[in-house]
Amino acid sequence: MTFGDKLRKYRKSKGMTQTDLAKAIGVNVYSIKMWETDKYEPTVKNLKEICRVLGVTAQALCEGEVVAEQVIVPGRAEFIDEVMTMPEEHFRRILKYSEFLKKESSRSEGGSES
């Protein structure tokens, strides 16, 4: 089940239309349509609002979206939920650090073997 499928399911379980959800989180209904058809993904700020309005966790909406070859790390879901409640600036710092780690990882995998 994709993010869009889950968003639609939780929205409908609350008896909300796309317009209702859009008004509740302060976006255009077009955004809801694009998210539910997986054409676009919401920003962190919008995801936080979706979770608040629908009464679900980020884990519930995003679970299963992890690439199959990634290892499931204990505590990952709790960390994601914690990140979702952080101020935007803190999230951006975590994102930058994550990008740094990816670069470091690719350098070590690419190897500087002589």
N, C-alpha and C. Protein backbone atom coordinates (compact mmCIF):
# COMPACT_ATOMS: atom_id res chain seq x y z
N MET A 1 0.85 -1.17 0.00
CA MET A 1 0.00 0.00 0.00
C MET A 1 0.90 1.24 0.00
N THR A 2 0.66 2.16 -0.91
CA THR A 2 1.48 3.36 -1.03
C THR A 2 1.08 4.42 0.00
N PHE A 3 1.89 5.46 0.10
CA PHE A 3 1.57 6.58 0.98
C PHE A 3 0.19 7.14 0.61
N GLY A 4 -0.04 7.35 -0.69
CA GLY A 4 -1.32 7.91 -1.14
C GLY A 4 -2.51 7.05 -0.76
N ASP A 5 -2.34 5.74 -0.89
CA ASP A 5 -3.41 4.81 -0.50
C ASP A 5 -3.72 4.94 0.99
N LYS A 6 -2.66 5.01 1.79
CA LYS A 6 -2.85 5.12 3.24
C LYS A 6 -3.48 6.45 3.62
N LEU A 7 -3.03 7.52 2.97
CA LEU A 7 -3.61 8.84 3.25
C LEU A 7 -5.11 8.82 2.96
N ARG A 8 -5.48 8.28 1.81
CA ARG A 8 -6.90 8.20 1.43
C ARG A 8 -7.68 7.37 2.45
N LYS A 9 -7.10 6.23 2.85
CA LYS A 9 -7.77 5.33 3.81
C LYS A 9 -8.02 6.05 5.13
N TYR A 10 -6.99 6.71 5.69
CA TYR A 10 -7.15 7.39 6.97
C TYR A 10 -8.09 8.59 6.86
N ARG A 11 -8.02 9.31 5.74
CA ARG A 11 -8.91 10.46 5.54
C ARG A 11 -10.36 9.99 5.52
N LYS A 12 -10.64 8.93 4.75
CA LYS A 12 -12.00 8.42 4.65
C LYS A 12 -12.48 7.83 5.97
N SER A 13 -11.55 7.23 6.74
CA SER A 13 -11.95 6.65 8.03
C SER A 13 -12.39 7.74 9.01
N LYS A 14 -11.93 8.98 8.78
CA LYS A 14 -12.36 10.13 9.60
C LYS A 14 -13.59 10.80 9.01
N GLY A 15 -14.09 10.26 7.89
CA GLY A 15 -15.28 10.83 7.26
C GLY A 15 -15.00 12.17 6.60
N MET A 16 -13.76 12.38 6.19
CA MET A 16 -13.38 13.66 5.59
C MET A 16 -13.28 13.54 4.07
N THR A 17 -13.65 14.61 3.39
CA THR A 17 -13.42 14.69 1.95
C THR A 17 -12.02 15.27 1.74
N GLN A 18 -11.57 15.24 0.50
CA GLN A 18 -10.28 15.86 0.19
C GLN A 18 -10.32 17.35 0.53
N THR A 19 -11.44 17.98 0.25
CA THR A 19 -11.60 19.40 0.56
C THR A 19 -11.54 19.65 2.05
N ASP A 20 -12.18 18.80 2.84
CA ASP A 20 -12.15 18.93 4.31
C ASP A 20 -10.70 18.88 4.82
N LEU A 21 -9.95 17.88 4.34
CA LEU A 21 -8.57 17.72 4.79
C LEU A 21 -7.72 18.90 4.35
N ALA A 22 -7.91 19.34 3.12
CA ALA A 22 -7.15 20.48 2.61
C ALA A 22 -7.38 21.72 3.49
N LYS A 23 -8.62 22.00 3.81
CA LYS A 23 -8.94 23.15 4.67
C LYS A 23 -8.34 22.98 6.06
N ALA A 24 -8.40 21.78 6.59
CA ALA A 24 -7.92 21.52 7.95
C ALA A 24 -6.41 21.71 8.09
N ILE A 25 -5.67 21.41 7.02
CA ILE A 25 -4.22 21.57 7.12
C ILE A 25 -3.70 22.81 6.40
N GLY A 26 -4.59 23.54 5.75
CA GLY A 26 -4.20 24.81 5.14
C GLY A 26 -3.52 24.70 3.79
N VAL A 27 -3.97 23.74 2.97
CA VAL A 27 -3.43 23.61 1.62
C VAL A 27 -4.57 23.59 0.61
N ASN A 28 -4.22 23.64 -0.66
CA ASN A 28 -5.19 23.56 -1.74
C ASN A 28 -5.62 22.11 -1.92
N VAL A 29 -6.84 21.87 -2.29
CA VAL A 29 -7.34 20.51 -2.49
C VAL A 29 -6.52 19.78 -3.55
N TYR A 30 -5.95 20.51 -4.49
CA TYR A 30 -5.11 19.91 -5.52
C TYR A 30 -3.93 19.17 -4.89
N SER A 31 -3.39 19.71 -3.80
CA SER A 31 -2.28 19.05 -3.10
C SER A 31 -2.71 17.68 -2.58
N ILE A 32 -3.88 17.62 -1.99
CA ILE A 32 -4.39 16.34 -1.46
C ILE A 32 -4.53 15.34 -2.61
N LYS A 33 -5.08 15.80 -3.73
CA LYS A 33 -5.24 14.91 -4.89
C LYS A 33 -3.90 14.38 -5.36
N MET A 34 -2.89 15.23 -5.42
CA MET A 34 -1.56 14.81 -5.88
C MET A 34 -0.91 13.85 -4.89
N TRP A 35 -1.10 14.08 -3.59
CA TRP A 35 -0.54 13.19 -2.57
C TRP A 35 -1.22 11.82 -2.62
N GLU A 36 -2.54 11.82 -2.77
CA GLU A 36 -3.28 10.56 -2.77
C GLU A 36 -3.04 9.73 -4.03
N THR A 37 -2.58 10.36 -5.08
CA THR A 37 -2.25 9.62 -6.31
C THR A 37 -0.74 9.40 -6.43
N ASP A 38 -0.01 9.73 -5.36
CA ASP A 38 1.44 9.53 -5.30
C ASP A 38 2.21 10.26 -6.39
N LYS A 39 1.65 11.37 -6.86
CA LYS A 39 2.36 12.18 -7.84
C LYS A 39 3.35 13.11 -7.14
N TYR A 40 3.04 13.52 -5.93
CA TYR A 40 3.91 14.36 -5.11
C TYR A 40 3.84 13.86 -3.68
N GLU A 41 4.83 14.28 -2.88
CA GLU A 41 4.83 13.96 -1.45
C GLU A 41 4.70 15.25 -0.67
N PRO A 42 4.03 15.21 0.47
CA PRO A 42 3.89 16.44 1.27
C PRO A 42 5.22 16.83 1.91
N THR A 43 5.33 18.11 2.22
CA THR A 43 6.50 18.58 2.96
C THR A 43 6.42 18.04 4.38
N VAL A 44 7.50 18.16 5.11
CA VAL A 44 7.50 17.72 6.51
C VAL A 44 6.43 18.49 7.29
N LYS A 45 6.35 19.77 7.05
CA LYS A 45 5.35 20.60 7.74
C LYS A 45 3.94 20.08 7.45
N ASN A 46 3.66 19.80 6.19
CA ASN A 46 2.32 19.29 5.83
C ASN A 46 2.08 17.90 6.38
N LEU A 47 3.13 17.06 6.39
CA LEU A 47 2.97 15.71 6.95
C LEU A 47 2.64 15.79 8.44
N LYS A 48 3.28 16.71 9.15
CA LYS A 48 2.97 16.90 10.57
C LYS A 48 1.50 17.27 10.75
N GLU A 49 1.01 18.16 9.91
CA GLU A 49 -0.40 18.58 10.00
C GLU A 49 -1.35 17.44 9.64
N ILE A 50 -1.00 16.68 8.63
CA ILE A 50 -1.83 15.52 8.26
C ILE A 50 -1.94 14.57 9.45
N CYS A 51 -0.80 14.27 10.07
CA CYS A 51 -0.80 13.37 11.22
C CYS A 51 -1.66 13.91 12.36
N ARG A 52 -1.53 15.21 12.61
CA ARG A 52 -2.31 15.85 13.68
C ARG A 52 -3.80 15.76 13.39
N VAL A 53 -4.20 16.15 12.19
CA VAL A 53 -5.62 16.20 11.83
C VAL A 53 -6.24 14.79 11.77
N LEU A 54 -5.50 13.84 11.21
CA LEU A 54 -6.04 12.49 11.06
C LEU A 54 -5.83 11.63 12.31
N GLY A 55 -5.02 12.12 13.24
CA GLY A 55 -4.78 11.37 14.46
C GLY A 55 -3.99 10.09 14.23
N VAL A 56 -3.03 10.16 13.31
CA VAL A 56 -2.18 9.00 13.01
C VAL A 56 -0.72 9.41 13.15
N THR A 57 0.14 8.42 13.26
CA THR A 57 1.57 8.69 13.35
C THR A 57 2.17 8.71 11.95
N ALA A 58 3.34 9.31 11.84
CA ALA A 58 4.07 9.30 10.58
C ALA A 58 4.38 7.86 10.19
N GLN A 59 4.66 7.05 11.19
CA GLN A 59 4.96 5.63 10.93
C GLN A 59 3.78 4.97 10.23
N ALA A 60 2.57 5.24 10.70
CA ALA A 60 1.39 4.61 10.11
C ALA A 60 1.24 4.99 8.64
N LEU A 61 1.55 6.24 8.31
CA LEU A 61 1.42 6.70 6.93
C LEU A 61 2.58 6.26 6.05
N CYS A 62 3.76 6.20 6.60
CA CYS A 62 4.96 5.95 5.79
C CYS A 62 5.47 4.53 5.88
N GLU A 63 4.95 3.73 6.78
CA GLU A 63 5.41 2.36 6.96
C GLU A 63 5.29 1.58 5.66
N GLY A 64 6.30 0.79 5.39
CA GLY A 64 6.27 -0.02 4.18
C GLY A 64 6.86 0.69 2.97
N GLU A 65 7.23 1.94 3.14
CA GLU A 65 7.81 2.69 2.03
C GLU A 65 9.32 2.53 1.98
N VAL A 66 9.89 1.79 2.92
CA VAL A 66 11.33 1.60 2.99
C VAL A 66 11.75 0.65 1.87
N VAL A 67 12.86 0.98 1.22
CA VAL A 67 13.38 0.13 0.16
C VAL A 67 13.73 -1.24 0.74
N ALA A 68 13.42 -2.29 0.03
CA ALA A 68 13.55 -3.66 0.53
C ALA A 68 14.95 -4.01 1.02
N GLU A 69 16.00 -3.49 0.37
CA GLU A 69 17.32 -3.88 0.80
C GLU A 69 17.80 -3.17 2.05
N GLN A 70 17.05 -2.18 2.54
CA GLN A 70 17.45 -1.50 3.75
C GLN A 70 17.14 -2.36 4.97
N VAL A 71 18.00 -2.30 5.93
CA VAL A 71 17.84 -3.07 7.16
C VAL A 71 16.92 -2.31 8.10
N ILE A 72 16.00 -3.01 8.71
CA ILE A 72 15.12 -2.38 9.69
C ILE A 72 15.89 -2.25 11.00
N VAL A 73 16.00 -1.02 11.46
CA VAL A 73 16.76 -0.73 12.67
C VAL A 73 15.78 -0.58 13.83
N PRO A 74 15.99 -1.30 14.93
CA PRO A 74 15.11 -1.13 16.09
C PRO A 74 15.09 0.34 16.52
N GLY A 75 13.92 0.85 16.78
CA GLY A 75 13.78 2.24 17.21
C GLY A 75 13.61 3.22 16.06
N ARG A 76 13.67 2.74 14.82
CA ARG A 76 13.56 3.64 13.67
C ARG A 76 12.21 4.36 13.66
N ALA A 77 11.13 3.64 13.89
CA ALA A 77 9.80 4.25 13.86
C ALA A 77 9.67 5.33 14.93
N GLU A 78 10.18 5.05 16.12
CA GLU A 78 10.12 6.03 17.20
C GLU A 78 10.92 7.27 16.84
N PHE A 79 12.08 7.05 16.21
CA PHE A 79 12.92 8.17 15.80
C PHE A 79 12.20 9.02 14.76
N ILE A 80 11.55 8.35 13.80
CA ILE A 80 10.82 9.09 12.76
C ILE A 80 9.71 9.92 13.38
N ASP A 81 8.97 9.35 14.32
CA ASP A 81 7.91 10.10 14.97
C ASP A 81 8.47 11.29 15.74
N GLU A 82 9.64 11.09 16.37
CA GLU A 82 10.27 12.19 17.10
C GLU A 82 10.70 13.29 16.15
N VAL A 83 11.29 12.91 15.03
CA VAL A 83 11.72 13.90 14.04
C VAL A 83 10.52 14.68 13.51
N MET A 84 9.39 14.00 13.34
CA MET A 84 8.19 14.67 12.81
C MET A 84 7.66 15.75 13.74
N THR A 85 8.01 15.69 15.01
CA THR A 85 7.52 16.71 15.94
C THR A 85 8.57 17.78 16.23
N MET A 86 9.74 17.65 15.63
CA MET A 86 10.80 18.65 15.84
C MET A 86 10.52 19.91 15.06
N PRO A 87 11.11 21.02 15.51
CA PRO A 87 11.02 22.24 14.70
C PRO A 87 11.68 22.01 13.34
N GLU A 88 11.22 22.70 12.33
CA GLU A 88 11.70 22.54 10.97
C GLU A 88 13.23 22.68 10.88
N GLU A 89 13.80 23.61 11.59
CA GLU A 89 15.25 23.84 11.55
C GLU A 89 16.01 22.60 12.04
N HIS A 90 15.53 21.96 13.08
CA HIS A 90 16.18 20.75 13.58
C HIS A 90 16.11 19.64 12.53
N PHE A 91 14.97 19.53 11.87
CA PHE A 91 14.82 18.53 10.81
C PHE A 91 15.82 18.78 9.69
N ARG A 92 15.98 20.04 9.31
CA ARG A 92 16.91 20.37 8.23
C ARG A 92 18.35 20.01 8.61
N ARG A 93 18.70 20.19 9.88
CA ARG A 93 20.04 19.80 10.34
C ARG A 93 20.24 18.29 10.24
N ILE A 94 19.21 17.54 10.64
CA ILE A 94 19.29 16.08 10.55
C ILE A 94 19.42 15.66 9.09
N LEU A 95 18.67 16.30 8.22
CA LEU A 95 18.74 15.98 6.79
C LEU A 95 20.14 16.25 6.23
N LYS A 96 20.74 17.39 6.60
CA LYS A 96 22.10 17.69 6.15
C LYS A 96 23.09 16.65 6.65
N TYR A 97 22.95 16.25 7.89
CA TYR A 97 23.85 15.24 8.45
C TYR A 97 23.67 13.91 7.72
N SER A 98 22.43 13.57 7.40
CA SER A 98 22.15 12.35 6.67
C SER A 98 22.83 12.39 5.30
N GLU A 99 22.76 13.53 4.62
CA GLU A 99 23.41 13.67 3.31
C GLU A 99 24.92 13.51 3.46
N PHE A 100 25.49 14.08 4.52
CA PHE A 100 26.91 13.93 4.80
C PHE A 100 27.28 12.45 4.97
N LEU A 101 26.48 11.73 5.75
CA LEU A 101 26.75 10.31 5.98
C LEU A 101 26.68 9.50 4.68
N LYS A 102 25.72 9.82 3.82
CA LYS A 102 25.61 9.13 2.53
C LYS A 102 26.87 9.34 1.70
N LYS A 103 27.36 10.59 1.68
CA LYS A 103 28.58 10.89 0.91
C LYS A 103 29.76 10.13 1.48
N GLU A 104 29.88 10.13 2.80
CA GLU A 104 30.97 9.40 3.44
C GLU A 104 30.90 7.92 3.13
N SER A 105 29.70 7.38 3.15
CA SER A 105 29.49 5.96 2.88
C SER A 105 29.88 5.63 1.44
N SER A 106 29.47 6.48 0.50
CA SER A 106 29.78 6.21 -0.90
C SER A 106 31.27 6.35 -1.16
N ARG A 107 31.94 7.24 -0.44
CA ARG A 107 33.40 7.36 -0.58
C ARG A 107 34.10 6.10 -0.10
N SER A 108 33.63 5.59 1.04
CA SER A 108 34.29 4.39 1.59
C SER A 108 33.97 3.16 0.74
N GLU A 109 32.79 3.10 0.15
CA GLU A 109 32.43 1.98 -0.70
C GLU A 109 33.17 2.06 -2.04
N GLY A 110 33.31 3.27 -2.56
CA GLY A 110 34.03 3.47 -3.82
C GLY A 110 35.48 3.14 -3.67
N GLY A 111 35.91 3.28 -2.42
CA GLY A 111 37.25 2.85 -2.06
C GLY A 111 38.35 3.73 -2.60
N SER A 112 39.33 3.86 -1.79
CA SER A 112 40.56 4.53 -2.20
C SER A 112 41.65 3.49 -2.12
N GLU A 113 41.32 2.32 -2.69
CA GLU A 113 42.24 1.19 -2.65
C GLU A 113 43.38 1.43 -3.62
N SER A 114 44.56 1.10 -3.18
CA SER A 114 45.73 1.30 -4.03
C SER A 114 46.21 -0.01 -4.60
